[in-house]
All heavy atoms as atom14 arrays in JSON, in Angstrom:
{
  "sequence": "YRRHFSAMINHWRSLWNDPELLFLYVQLANFRKRAEQPNDSDWAELRE",
  "atom14_mask": [
    [1, 1, 1, 1, 1, 1, 1, 1, 1, 1, 1, 1, 0, 0],
    [1, 1, 1, 1, 1, 1, 1, 1, 1, 1, 1, 0, 0, 0],
    [1, 1, 1, 1, 1, 1, 1, 1, 1, 1, 1, 0, 0, 0],
    [1, 1, 1, 1, 1, 1, 1, 1, 1, 1, 0, 0, 0, 0],
    [1, 1, 1, 1, 1, 1, 1, 1, 1, 1, 1, 0, 0, 0],
    [1, 1, 1, 1, 1, 1, 0, 0, 0, 0, 0, 0, 0, 0],
    [1, 1, 1, 1, 1, 0, 0, 0, 0, 0, 0, 0, 0, 0],
    [1, 1, 1, 1, 1, 1, 1, 1, 0, 0, 0, 0, 0, 0],
    [1, 1, 1, 1, 1, 1, 1, 1, 0, 0, 0, 0, 0, 0],
    [1, 1, 1, 1, 1, 1, 1, 1, 0, 0, 0, 0, 0, 0],
    [1, 1, 1, 1, 1, 1, 1, 1, 1, 1, 0, 0, 0, 0],
    [1, 1, 1, 1, 1, 1, 1, 1, 1, 1, 1, 1, 1, 1],
    [1, 1, 1, 1, 1, 1, 1, 1, 1, 1, 1, 0, 0, 0],
    [1, 1, 1, 1, 1, 1, 0, 0, 0, 0, 0, 0, 0, 0],
    [1, 1, 1, 1, 1, 1, 1, 1, 0, 0, 0, 0, 0, 0],
    [1, 1, 1, 1, 1, 1, 1, 1, 1, 1, 1, 1, 1, 1],
    [1, 1, 1, 1, 1, 1, 1, 1, 0, 0, 0, 0, 0, 0],
    [1, 1, 1, 1, 1, 1, 1, 1, 0, 0, 0, 0, 0, 0],
    [1, 1, 1, 1, 1, 1, 1, 0, 0, 0, 0, 0, 0, 0],
    [1, 1, 1, 1, 1, 1, 1, 1, 1, 0, 0, 0, 0, 0],
    [1, 1, 1, 1, 1, 1, 1, 1, 0, 0, 0, 0, 0, 0],
    [1, 1, 1, 1, 1, 1, 1, 1, 0, 0, 0, 0, 0, 0],
    [1, 1, 1, 1, 1, 1, 1, 1, 1, 1, 1, 0, 0, 0],
    [1, 1, 1, 1, 1, 1, 1, 1, 0, 0, 0, 0, 0, 0],
    [1, 1, 1, 1, 1, 1, 1, 1, 1, 1, 1, 1, 0, 0],
    [1, 1, 1, 1, 1, 1, 1, 0, 0, 0, 0, 0, 0, 0],
    [1, 1, 1, 1, 1, 1, 1, 1, 1, 0, 0, 0, 0, 0],
    [1, 1, 1, 1, 1, 1, 1, 1, 0, 0, 0, 0, 0, 0],
    [1, 1, 1, 1, 1, 0, 0, 0, 0, 0, 0, 0, 0, 0],
    [1, 1, 1, 1, 1, 1, 1, 1, 0, 0, 0, 0, 0, 0],
    [1, 1, 1, 1, 1, 1, 1, 1, 1, 1, 1, 0, 0, 0],
    [1, 1, 1, 1, 1, 1, 1, 1, 1, 1, 1, 0, 0, 0],
    [1, 1, 1, 1, 1, 1, 1, 1, 1, 0, 0, 0, 0, 0],
    [1, 1, 1, 1, 1, 1, 1, 1, 1, 1, 1, 0, 0, 0],
    [1, 1, 1, 1, 1, 0, 0, 0, 0, 0, 0, 0, 0, 0],
    [1, 1, 1, 1, 1, 1, 1, 1, 1, 0, 0, 0, 0, 0],
    [1, 1, 1, 1, 1, 1, 1, 1, 1, 0, 0, 0, 0, 0],
    [1, 1, 1, 1, 1, 1, 1, 0, 0, 0, 0, 0, 0, 0],
    [1, 1, 1, 1, 1, 1, 1, 1, 0, 0, 0, 0, 0, 0],
    [1, 1, 1, 1, 1, 1, 1, 1, 0, 0, 0, 0, 0, 0],
    [1, 1, 1, 1, 1, 1, 0, 0, 0, 0, 0, 0, 0, 0],
    [1, 1, 1, 1, 1, 1, 1, 1, 0, 0, 0, 0, 0, 0],
    [1, 1, 1, 1, 1, 1, 1, 1, 1, 1, 1, 1, 1, 1],
    [1, 1, 1, 1, 1, 0, 0, 0, 0, 0, 0, 0, 0, 0],
    [1, 1, 1, 1, 1, 1, 1, 1, 1, 0, 0, 0, 0, 0],
    [1, 1, 1, 1, 1, 1, 1, 1, 0, 0, 0, 0, 0, 0],
    [1, 1, 1, 1, 1, 1, 1, 1, 1, 1, 1, 0, 0, 0],
    [1, 1, 1, 1, 1, 1, 1, 1, 1, 0, 0, 0, 0, 0]
  ],
  "atom14_positions": [
    [[-24.55, 18.03, 44.14], [-23.8, 18.01, 42.86], [-24.25, 16.85, 41.97], [-24.37, 16.91, 40.73], [-22.35, 17.84, 43.2], [-21.4, 17.79, 42.0], [-20.93, 19.06, 41.49], [-20.95, 16.7, 41.25], [-20.06, 19.12, 40.42], [-20.12, 16.8, 40.2], [-19.71, 17.98, 39.71], [-18.83, 18.09, 38.76], [0.0, 0.0, 0.0], [0.0, 0.0, 0.0]],
    [[-24.53, 15.74, 42.6], [-25.07, 14.55, 41.77], [-26.31, 14.93, 40.98], [-26.42, 14.54, 39.77], [-25.48, 13.45, 42.72], [-24.35, 12.74, 43.55], [-24.91, 11.63, 44.3], [-24.13, 11.21, 45.47], [-23.01, 10.53, 45.44], [-22.59, 10.02, 44.3], [-22.22, 10.3, 46.49], [0.0, 0.0, 0.0], [0.0, 0.0, 0.0], [0.0, 0.0, 0.0]],
    [[-27.2, 15.66, 41.49], [-28.38, 16.08, 40.76], [-28.12, 17.2, 39.72], [-28.67, 17.14, 38.57], [-29.41, 16.49, 41.76], [-29.93, 15.49, 42.83], [-31.1, 15.88, 43.53], [-31.09, 17.24, 44.23], [-30.48, 17.48, 45.27], [-29.91, 16.47, 46.07], [-30.53, 18.67, 45.8], [0.0, 0.0, 0.0], [0.0, 0.0, 0.0], [0.0, 0.0, 0.0]],
    [[-27.33, 18.08, 40.22], [-27.17, 19.36, 39.39], [-26.34, 19.24, 38.22], [-26.6, 19.84, 37.19], [-26.69, 20.51, 40.29], [-27.57, 20.94, 41.37], [-27.32, 21.89, 42.3], [-28.85, 20.51, 41.67], [-28.33, 22.05, 43.09], [-29.23, 21.35, 42.84], [0.0, 0.0, 0.0], [0.0, 0.0, 0.0], [0.0, 0.0, 0.0], [0.0, 0.0, 0.0]],
    [[-25.31, 18.43, 38.3], [-24.42, 18.16, 37.24], [-25.03, 17.62, 35.93], [-24.89, 18.23, 34.83], [-23.21, 17.28, 37.73], [-22.0, 17.35, 36.75], [-21.6, 18.49, 36.06], [-21.4, 16.15, 36.37], [-20.48, 18.58, 35.2], [-20.38, 16.1, 35.5], [-19.9, 17.3, 34.98], [0.0, 0.0, 0.0], [0.0, 0.0, 0.0], [0.0, 0.0, 0.0]],
    [[-25.8, 16.6, 36.19], [-26.46, 16.04, 34.94], [-27.46, 16.98, 34.51], [-27.85, 17.02, 33.32], [-27.1, 14.61, 35.31], [-27.99, 14.76, 36.43], [0.0, 0.0, 0.0], [0.0, 0.0, 0.0], [0.0, 0.0, 0.0], [0.0, 0.0, 0.0], [0.0, 0.0, 0.0], [0.0, 0.0, 0.0], [0.0, 0.0, 0.0], [0.0, 0.0, 0.0]],
    [[-28.17, 17.68, 35.37], [-29.21, 18.67, 34.88], [-28.55, 19.79, 34.25], [-29.11, 20.16, 33.12], [-29.95, 19.23, 36.21], [0.0, 0.0, 0.0], [0.0, 0.0, 0.0], [0.0, 0.0, 0.0], [0.0, 0.0, 0.0], [0.0, 0.0, 0.0], [0.0, 0.0, 0.0], [0.0, 0.0, 0.0], [0.0, 0.0, 0.0], [0.0, 0.0, 0.0]],
    [[-27.28, 20.2, 34.51], [-26.66, 21.26, 33.83], [-26.32, 20.75, 32.49], [-26.45, 21.53, 31.41], [-25.42, 21.74, 34.57], [-24.74, 22.95, 33.96], [-23.16, 23.26, 34.56], [-22.1, 22.14, 33.86], [0.0, 0.0, 0.0], [0.0, 0.0, 0.0], [0.0, 0.0, 0.0], [0.0, 0.0, 0.0], [0.0, 0.0, 0.0], [0.0, 0.0, 0.0]],
    [[-25.87, 19.53, 32.29], [-25.42, 18.94, 31.03], [-26.61, 19.01, 29.98], [-26.47, 19.48, 28.91], [-24.92, 17.62, 31.15], [-23.55, 17.64, 32.05], [-24.61, 16.85, 29.76], [-22.99, 16.18, 32.26], [0.0, 0.0, 0.0], [0.0, 0.0, 0.0], [0.0, 0.0, 0.0], [0.0, 0.0, 0.0], [0.0, 0.0, 0.0], [0.0, 0.0, 0.0]],
    [[-27.72, 18.54, 30.59], [-28.92, 18.43, 29.76], [-29.42, 19.86, 29.32], [-29.88, 20.1, 28.25], [-30.12, 17.72, 30.43], [-29.66, 16.23, 30.58], [-29.03, 15.57, 29.67], [-30.18, 15.64, 31.73], [0.0, 0.0, 0.0], [0.0, 0.0, 0.0], [0.0, 0.0, 0.0], [0.0, 0.0, 0.0], [0.0, 0.0, 0.0], [0.0, 0.0, 0.0]],
    [[-29.3, 20.81, 30.32], [-29.7, 22.18, 30.01], [-28.82, 22.8, 28.95], [-29.36, 23.41, 28.02], [-29.63, 23.06, 31.25], [-29.78, 24.46, 31.04], [-30.99, 25.03, 30.5], [-29.09, 25.59, 31.18], [-30.86, 26.35, 30.39], [-29.64, 26.75, 30.74], [0.0, 0.0, 0.0], [0.0, 0.0, 0.0], [0.0, 0.0, 0.0], [0.0, 0.0, 0.0]],
    [[-27.5, 22.68, 29.07], [-26.58, 23.17, 27.95], [-26.88, 22.6, 26.53], [-27.01, 23.23, 25.61], [-25.2, 22.85, 28.29], [-24.61, 23.67, 29.37], [-25.46, 24.33, 30.45], [-23.32, 24.05, 29.65], [-24.55, 24.97, 31.23], [-23.2, 24.86, 30.87], [-22.11, 23.77, 29.05], [-22.05, 25.35, 31.39], [-20.98, 24.27, 29.5], [-20.98, 25.02, 30.65]],
    [[-27.27, 21.2, 26.55], [-27.67, 20.69, 25.37], [-28.9, 21.2, 24.76], [-29.05, 21.38, 23.52], [-27.88, 19.17, 25.49], [-26.49, 18.48, 25.63], [-26.51, 16.98, 26.09], [-25.27, 16.41, 25.98], [-25.0, 15.2, 26.51], [-26.03, 14.5, 27.0], [-23.78, 14.64, 26.5], [0.0, 0.0, 0.0], [0.0, 0.0, 0.0], [0.0, 0.0, 0.0]],
    [[-29.82, 21.52, 25.57], [-31.06, 22.27, 25.19], [-30.9, 23.57, 24.58], [-31.51, 23.99, 23.61], [-32.13, 22.28, 26.25], [-31.75, 23.26, 27.26], [0.0, 0.0, 0.0], [0.0, 0.0, 0.0], [0.0, 0.0, 0.0], [0.0, 0.0, 0.0], [0.0, 0.0, 0.0], [0.0, 0.0, 0.0], [0.0, 0.0, 0.0], [0.0, 0.0, 0.0]],
    [[-29.91, 24.33, 25.07], [-29.6, 25.65, 24.48], [-29.04, 25.61, 23.11], [-29.53, 26.34, 22.26], [-28.5, 26.33, 25.37], [-28.85, 26.7, 26.95], [-27.58, 27.29, 27.56], [-29.98, 27.74, 26.85], [0.0, 0.0, 0.0], [0.0, 0.0, 0.0], [0.0, 0.0, 0.0], [0.0, 0.0, 0.0], [0.0, 0.0, 0.0], [0.0, 0.0, 0.0]],
    [[-28.31, 24.53, 22.78], [-27.79, 24.38, 21.43], [-28.62, 23.47, 20.63], [-28.39, 23.2, 19.54], [-26.27, 23.84, 21.47], [-25.37, 24.92, 21.56], [-24.83, 25.59, 20.51], [-24.68, 25.33, 22.78], [-23.9, 26.46, 20.94], [-23.81, 26.37, 22.34], [-24.83, 24.97, 24.09], [-22.99, 27.04, 23.22], [-23.95, 25.73, 25.01], [-23.13, 26.7, 24.56]],
    [[-29.79, 22.98, 21.23], [-30.74, 22.12, 20.65], [-30.04, 20.92, 19.96], [-30.34, 20.49, 18.85], [-31.44, 22.94, 19.41], [-32.7, 22.13, 18.87], [-33.27, 21.38, 19.67], [-33.06, 22.3, 17.6], [0.0, 0.0, 0.0], [0.0, 0.0, 0.0], [0.0, 0.0, 0.0], [0.0, 0.0, 0.0], [0.0, 0.0, 0.0], [0.0, 0.0, 0.0]],
    [[-29.23, 20.3, 20.78], [-28.39, 19.21, 20.23], [-28.32, 18.17, 21.43], [-27.37, 18.32, 22.36], [-26.91, 19.67, 19.86], [-26.02, 18.5, 19.31], [-26.58, 17.36, 19.22], [-24.9, 18.78, 18.99], [0.0, 0.0, 0.0], [0.0, 0.0, 0.0], [0.0, 0.0, 0.0], [0.0, 0.0, 0.0], [0.0, 0.0, 0.0], [0.0, 0.0, 0.0]],
    [[-29.16, 17.15, 21.5], [-29.06, 16.17, 22.51], [-27.89, 15.47, 22.56], [-27.59, 14.62, 23.63], [-30.28, 15.26, 22.36], [-30.63, 15.41, 20.85], [-30.17, 16.92, 20.59], [0.0, 0.0, 0.0], [0.0, 0.0, 0.0], [0.0, 0.0, 0.0], [0.0, 0.0, 0.0], [0.0, 0.0, 0.0], [0.0, 0.0, 0.0], [0.0, 0.0, 0.0]],
    [[-27.04, 15.31, 21.43], [-25.88, 14.6, 21.39], [-24.49, 15.37, 21.56], [-23.44, 14.94, 21.32], [-25.83, 13.8, 20.13], [-26.97, 12.8, 19.94], [-26.85, 12.04, 18.73], [-25.88, 12.25, 17.89], [-27.7, 11.19, 18.44], [0.0, 0.0, 0.0], [0.0, 0.0, 0.0], [0.0, 0.0, 0.0], [0.0, 0.0, 0.0], [0.0, 0.0, 0.0]],
    [[-24.66, 16.61, 22.03], [-23.54, 17.59, 22.18], [-22.64, 16.92, 23.14], [-23.01, 16.52, 24.28], [-24.03, 18.84, 22.84], [-22.96, 19.87, 23.04], [-22.45, 20.51, 21.79], [-23.4, 21.02, 23.95], [0.0, 0.0, 0.0], [0.0, 0.0, 0.0], [0.0, 0.0, 0.0], [0.0, 0.0, 0.0], [0.0, 0.0, 0.0], [0.0, 0.0, 0.0]],
    [[-21.39, 16.62, 22.8], [-20.43, 15.96, 23.65], [-20.04, 16.79, 24.87], [-19.7, 17.94, 24.71], [-19.15, 15.6, 22.83], [-18.13, 14.88, 23.68], [-18.52, 13.52, 24.22], [-16.74, 14.73, 22.87], [0.0, 0.0, 0.0], [0.0, 0.0, 0.0], [0.0, 0.0, 0.0], [0.0, 0.0, 0.0], [0.0, 0.0, 0.0], [0.0, 0.0, 0.0]],
    [[-20.17, 16.27, 26.05], [-19.75, 16.89, 27.22], [-18.53, 16.2, 27.81], [-18.56, 15.23, 28.41], [-20.9, 16.92, 28.26], [-20.73, 17.89, 29.32], [-21.43, 19.22, 29.19], [-19.98, 17.6, 30.39], [-21.29, 20.15, 30.15], [-19.99, 18.62, 31.41], [-20.58, 19.91, 31.27], [0.0, 0.0, 0.0], [0.0, 0.0, 0.0], [0.0, 0.0, 0.0]],
    [[-17.34, 16.77, 27.7], [-16.13, 16.32, 28.25], [-15.82, 17.02, 29.67], [-15.99, 18.17, 29.65], [-15.0, 16.54, 27.29], [-14.94, 15.97, 26.01], [-13.71, 16.41, 25.08], [-14.95, 14.55, 26.05], [0.0, 0.0, 0.0], [0.0, 0.0, 0.0], [0.0, 0.0, 0.0], [0.0, 0.0, 0.0], [0.0, 0.0, 0.0], [0.0, 0.0, 0.0]],
    [[-15.46, 16.27, 30.57], [-15.27, 16.86, 31.88], [-14.08, 16.27, 32.6], [-13.72, 14.97, 32.36], [-16.46, 16.87, 32.78], [-17.09, 15.47, 33.16], [-16.72, 14.93, 34.5], [-17.92, 14.94, 32.32], [-17.17, 13.63, 34.58], [-18.45, 13.66, 32.65], [-18.19, 13.07, 33.91], [-18.7, 11.83, 34.2], [0.0, 0.0, 0.0], [0.0, 0.0, 0.0]],
    [[-13.47, 17.0, 33.46], [-12.22, 16.53, 34.12], [-12.52, 16.18, 35.63], [-13.11, 17.03, 36.3], [-11.16, 17.59, 34.06], [-9.85, 17.18, 34.82], [-10.74, 18.08, 32.58], [0.0, 0.0, 0.0], [0.0, 0.0, 0.0], [0.0, 0.0, 0.0], [0.0, 0.0, 0.0], [0.0, 0.0, 0.0], [0.0, 0.0, 0.0], [0.0, 0.0, 0.0]],
    [[-12.17, 14.96, 35.99], [-12.42, 14.56, 37.36], [-11.43, 15.22, 38.3], [-10.23, 15.63, 37.83], [-12.28, 12.98, 37.59], [-12.8, 12.43, 38.85], [-12.62, 10.92, 38.71], [-11.58, 10.44, 38.45], [-13.5, 10.25, 39.35], [0.0, 0.0, 0.0], [0.0, 0.0, 0.0], [0.0, 0.0, 0.0], [0.0, 0.0, 0.0], [0.0, 0.0, 0.0]],
    [[-11.83, 15.44, 39.5], [-10.88, 16.04, 40.54], [-9.62, 15.34, 40.48], [-9.55, 14.17, 40.59], [-11.51, 16.12, 41.79], [-12.76, 17.02, 42.13], [-13.17, 17.03, 43.58], [-12.48, 18.45, 41.64], [0.0, 0.0, 0.0], [0.0, 0.0, 0.0], [0.0, 0.0, 0.0], [0.0, 0.0, 0.0], [0.0, 0.0, 0.0], [0.0, 0.0, 0.0]],
    [[-8.48, 16.28, 40.69], [-7.23, 15.61, 40.73], [-6.83, 15.32, 42.17], [-7.63, 15.38, 43.04], [-6.13, 16.71, 40.2], [0.0, 0.0, 0.0], [0.0, 0.0, 0.0], [0.0, 0.0, 0.0], [0.0, 0.0, 0.0], [0.0, 0.0, 0.0], [0.0, 0.0, 0.0], [0.0, 0.0, 0.0], [0.0, 0.0, 0.0], [0.0, 0.0, 0.0]],
    [[-5.59, 14.78, 42.45], [-5.12, 14.32, 43.68], [-4.58, 15.47, 44.57], [-3.53, 15.5, 45.02], [-4.09, 13.27, 43.56], [-2.95, 13.68, 42.61], [-3.15, 14.23, 41.54], [-1.7, 13.43, 42.98], [0.0, 0.0, 0.0], [0.0, 0.0, 0.0], [0.0, 0.0, 0.0], [0.0, 0.0, 0.0], [0.0, 0.0, 0.0], [0.0, 0.0, 0.0]],
    [[-5.37, 16.45, 44.86], [-5.11, 17.54, 45.78], [-5.3, 17.04, 47.17], [-6.08, 16.26, 47.55], [-5.99, 18.77, 45.51], [-5.78, 19.84, 46.47], [-4.63, 20.5, 46.55], [-6.86, 20.29, 47.22], [-4.4, 21.6, 47.5], [-6.67, 21.29, 48.25], [-5.46, 22.0, 48.33], [0.0, 0.0, 0.0], [0.0, 0.0, 0.0], [0.0, 0.0, 0.0]],
    [[-4.41, 17.54, 48.16], [-4.43, 17.15, 49.54], [-3.52, 15.96, 49.74], [-3.3, 15.09, 48.89], [-5.77, 16.94, 50.14], [-6.78, 17.95, 50.11], [-8.13, 17.55, 50.64], [-9.16, 18.57, 50.7], [-10.4, 18.35, 50.96], [-10.83, 17.16, 51.36], [-11.27, 19.37, 50.95], [0.0, 0.0, 0.0], [0.0, 0.0, 0.0], [0.0, 0.0, 0.0]],
    [[-2.85, 15.97, 51.02], [-1.97, 15.07, 51.26], [-2.65, 13.55, 51.45], [-3.74, 13.57, 51.87], [-1.19, 15.25, 52.63], [-0.27, 16.42, 52.58], [0.88, 16.1, 51.63], [1.89, 17.39, 51.66], [3.01, 17.16, 50.72], [0.0, 0.0, 0.0], [0.0, 0.0, 0.0], [0.0, 0.0, 0.0], [0.0, 0.0, 0.0], [0.0, 0.0, 0.0]],
    [[-1.96, 12.46, 51.13], [-2.56, 11.12, 51.18], [-2.65, 10.86, 52.61], [-1.7, 10.97, 53.45], [-1.66, 10.16, 50.47], [-2.17, 8.73, 50.62], [-1.38, 7.78, 49.89], [-1.32, 8.04, 48.44], [-0.66, 7.25, 47.56], [-0.02, 6.23, 47.96], [-0.68, 7.47, 46.37], [0.0, 0.0, 0.0], [0.0, 0.0, 0.0], [0.0, 0.0, 0.0]],
    [[-3.83, 10.36, 53.16], [-4.02, 9.97, 54.54], [-3.39, 8.65, 54.83], [-3.29, 7.83, 53.97], [-5.5, 9.87, 54.8], [0.0, 0.0, 0.0], [0.0, 0.0, 0.0], [0.0, 0.0, 0.0], [0.0, 0.0, 0.0], [0.0, 0.0, 0.0], [0.0, 0.0, 0.0], [0.0, 0.0, 0.0], [0.0, 0.0, 0.0], [0.0, 0.0, 0.0]],
    [[-2.78, 8.51, 56.07], [-2.11, 7.36, 56.49], [-3.14, 6.09, 56.58], [-2.88, 5.02, 56.46], [-1.32, 7.45, 57.74], [-0.21, 8.44, 57.56], [0.61, 8.58, 58.8], [0.33, 7.93, 59.83], [1.61, 9.34, 58.87], [0.0, 0.0, 0.0], [0.0, 0.0, 0.0], [0.0, 0.0, 0.0], [0.0, 0.0, 0.0], [0.0, 0.0, 0.0]],
    [[-4.42, 6.45, 57.08], [-5.37, 5.48, 57.29], [-6.71, 5.83, 56.42], [-6.86, 7.06, 56.29], [-5.78, 5.35, 58.67], [-4.64, 4.83, 59.64], [-4.14, 3.48, 59.19], [-5.06, 2.59, 58.88], [-2.9, 3.04, 59.5], [0.0, 0.0, 0.0], [0.0, 0.0, 0.0], [0.0, 0.0, 0.0], [0.0, 0.0, 0.0], [0.0, 0.0, 0.0]],
    [[-7.46, 4.93, 56.01], [-8.72, 5.25, 55.28], [-9.56, 6.11, 56.05], [-9.7, 5.92, 57.31], [-9.34, 3.89, 55.08], [-8.22, 2.91, 55.08], [-7.28, 3.48, 56.07], [0.0, 0.0, 0.0], [0.0, 0.0, 0.0], [0.0, 0.0, 0.0], [0.0, 0.0, 0.0], [0.0, 0.0, 0.0], [0.0, 0.0, 0.0], [0.0, 0.0, 0.0]],
    [[-10.14, 7.08, 55.46], [-11.08, 7.95, 56.19], [-11.98, 8.56, 55.18], [-12.04, 8.37, 54.0], [-10.4, 9.05, 57.0], [-9.49, 9.88, 56.14], [-9.83, 10.19, 54.9], [-8.35, 10.23, 56.63], [0.0, 0.0, 0.0], [0.0, 0.0, 0.0], [0.0, 0.0, 0.0], [0.0, 0.0, 0.0], [0.0, 0.0, 0.0], [0.0, 0.0, 0.0]],
    [[-13.03, 9.22, 55.72], [-13.96, 9.92, 54.87], [-13.46, 11.04, 54.16], [-12.55, 11.76, 54.65], [-15.18, 10.54, 55.73], [-16.03, 9.37, 56.31], [-16.09, 8.25, 55.82], [-16.77, 9.7, 57.34], [0.0, 0.0, 0.0], [0.0, 0.0, 0.0], [0.0, 0.0, 0.0], [0.0, 0.0, 0.0], [0.0, 0.0, 0.0], [0.0, 0.0, 0.0]],
    [[-13.84, 11.16, 52.78], [-13.24, 12.28, 52.0], [-14.36, 12.79, 51.07], [-14.78, 12.08, 50.17], [-11.98, 11.66, 51.09], [-11.73, 12.6, 50.09], [0.0, 0.0, 0.0], [0.0, 0.0, 0.0], [0.0, 0.0, 0.0], [0.0, 0.0, 0.0], [0.0, 0.0, 0.0], [0.0, 0.0, 0.0], [0.0, 0.0, 0.0], [0.0, 0.0, 0.0]],
    [[-14.64, 14.04, 51.22], [-15.69, 14.67, 50.38], [-15.13, 14.76, 49.01], [-15.76, 14.59, 47.97], [-16.04, 15.95, 50.91], [-14.87, 16.96, 51.05], [-13.75, 16.62, 50.84], [-15.08, 18.16, 51.55], [0.0, 0.0, 0.0], [0.0, 0.0, 0.0], [0.0, 0.0, 0.0], [0.0, 0.0, 0.0], [0.0, 0.0, 0.0], [0.0, 0.0, 0.0]],
    [[-13.72, 14.87, 48.75], [-13.19, 14.84, 47.37], [-13.35, 13.53, 46.73], [-13.72, 13.38, 45.42], [-11.79, 15.33, 47.46], [-11.52, 16.77, 47.36], [-12.1, 17.66, 48.19], [-10.81, 17.53, 46.41], [-11.7, 18.91, 47.85], [-10.95, 18.86, 46.86], [-9.99, 17.14, 45.33], [-10.31, 19.89, 46.02], [-9.33, 18.2, 44.69], [-9.55, 19.48, 45.06]],
    [[-13.25, 12.48, 47.48], [-13.4, 11.04, 46.87], [-14.85, 10.9, 46.54], [-15.23, 10.36, 45.5], [-13.02, 10.05, 47.91], [0.0, 0.0, 0.0], [0.0, 0.0, 0.0], [0.0, 0.0, 0.0], [0.0, 0.0, 0.0], [0.0, 0.0, 0.0], [0.0, 0.0, 0.0], [0.0, 0.0, 0.0], [0.0, 0.0, 0.0], [0.0, 0.0, 0.0]],
    [[-15.81, 11.41, 47.3], [-17.35, 11.3, 47.1], [-17.61, 12.03, 45.83], [-18.41, 11.7, 45.08], [-17.98, 11.77, 48.31], [-17.98, 10.83, 49.51], [-18.79, 11.15, 50.74], [-19.76, 12.14, 50.41], [-18.56, 10.69, 51.74], [0.0, 0.0, 0.0], [0.0, 0.0, 0.0], [0.0, 0.0, 0.0], [0.0, 0.0, 0.0], [0.0, 0.0, 0.0]],
    [[-17.0, 13.27, 45.72], [-17.28, 13.98, 44.53], [-16.72, 13.42, 43.24], [-17.48, 13.42, 42.17], [-16.73, 15.4, 44.61], [-17.35, 16.37, 43.47], [-18.6, 16.97, 43.92], [-16.37, 17.3, 43.11], [0.0, 0.0, 0.0], [0.0, 0.0, 0.0], [0.0, 0.0, 0.0], [0.0, 0.0, 0.0], [0.0, 0.0, 0.0], [0.0, 0.0, 0.0]],
    [[-15.54, 12.69, 43.32], [-15.03, 11.96, 42.19], [-16.03, 10.79, 41.87], [-16.21, 10.53, 40.61], [-13.66, 11.39, 42.51], [-12.54, 12.38, 42.62], [-11.22, 11.63, 42.62], [-10.14, 12.62, 43.05], [-9.65, 12.84, 44.28], [-10.15, 12.0, 45.23], [-8.74, 13.73, 44.46], [0.0, 0.0, 0.0], [0.0, 0.0, 0.0], [0.0, 0.0, 0.0]],
    [[-16.59, 10.25, 42.91], [-17.58, 9.14, 42.57], [-18.75, 9.72, 41.85], [-19.3, 9.21, 40.8], [-17.97, 8.41, 43.84], [-18.92, 7.27, 43.61], [-19.58, 6.77, 44.86], [-19.93, 7.63, 45.85], [-19.7, 5.59, 45.04], [0.0, 0.0, 0.0], [0.0, 0.0, 0.0], [0.0, 0.0, 0.0], [0.0, 0.0, 0.0], [0.0, 0.0, 0.0]]
  ]
}
């Protein structure tokens, strides 16, 4: 995702021939129960 997301943004801008096309996106929300202790979380990594 780290690689593809920015590549997709740049590709969409090339389609409209507009390098300054604003790209607004929504970060993942707080789905899943809160863990009692810190642990690995793929959702947290994706938010990063």
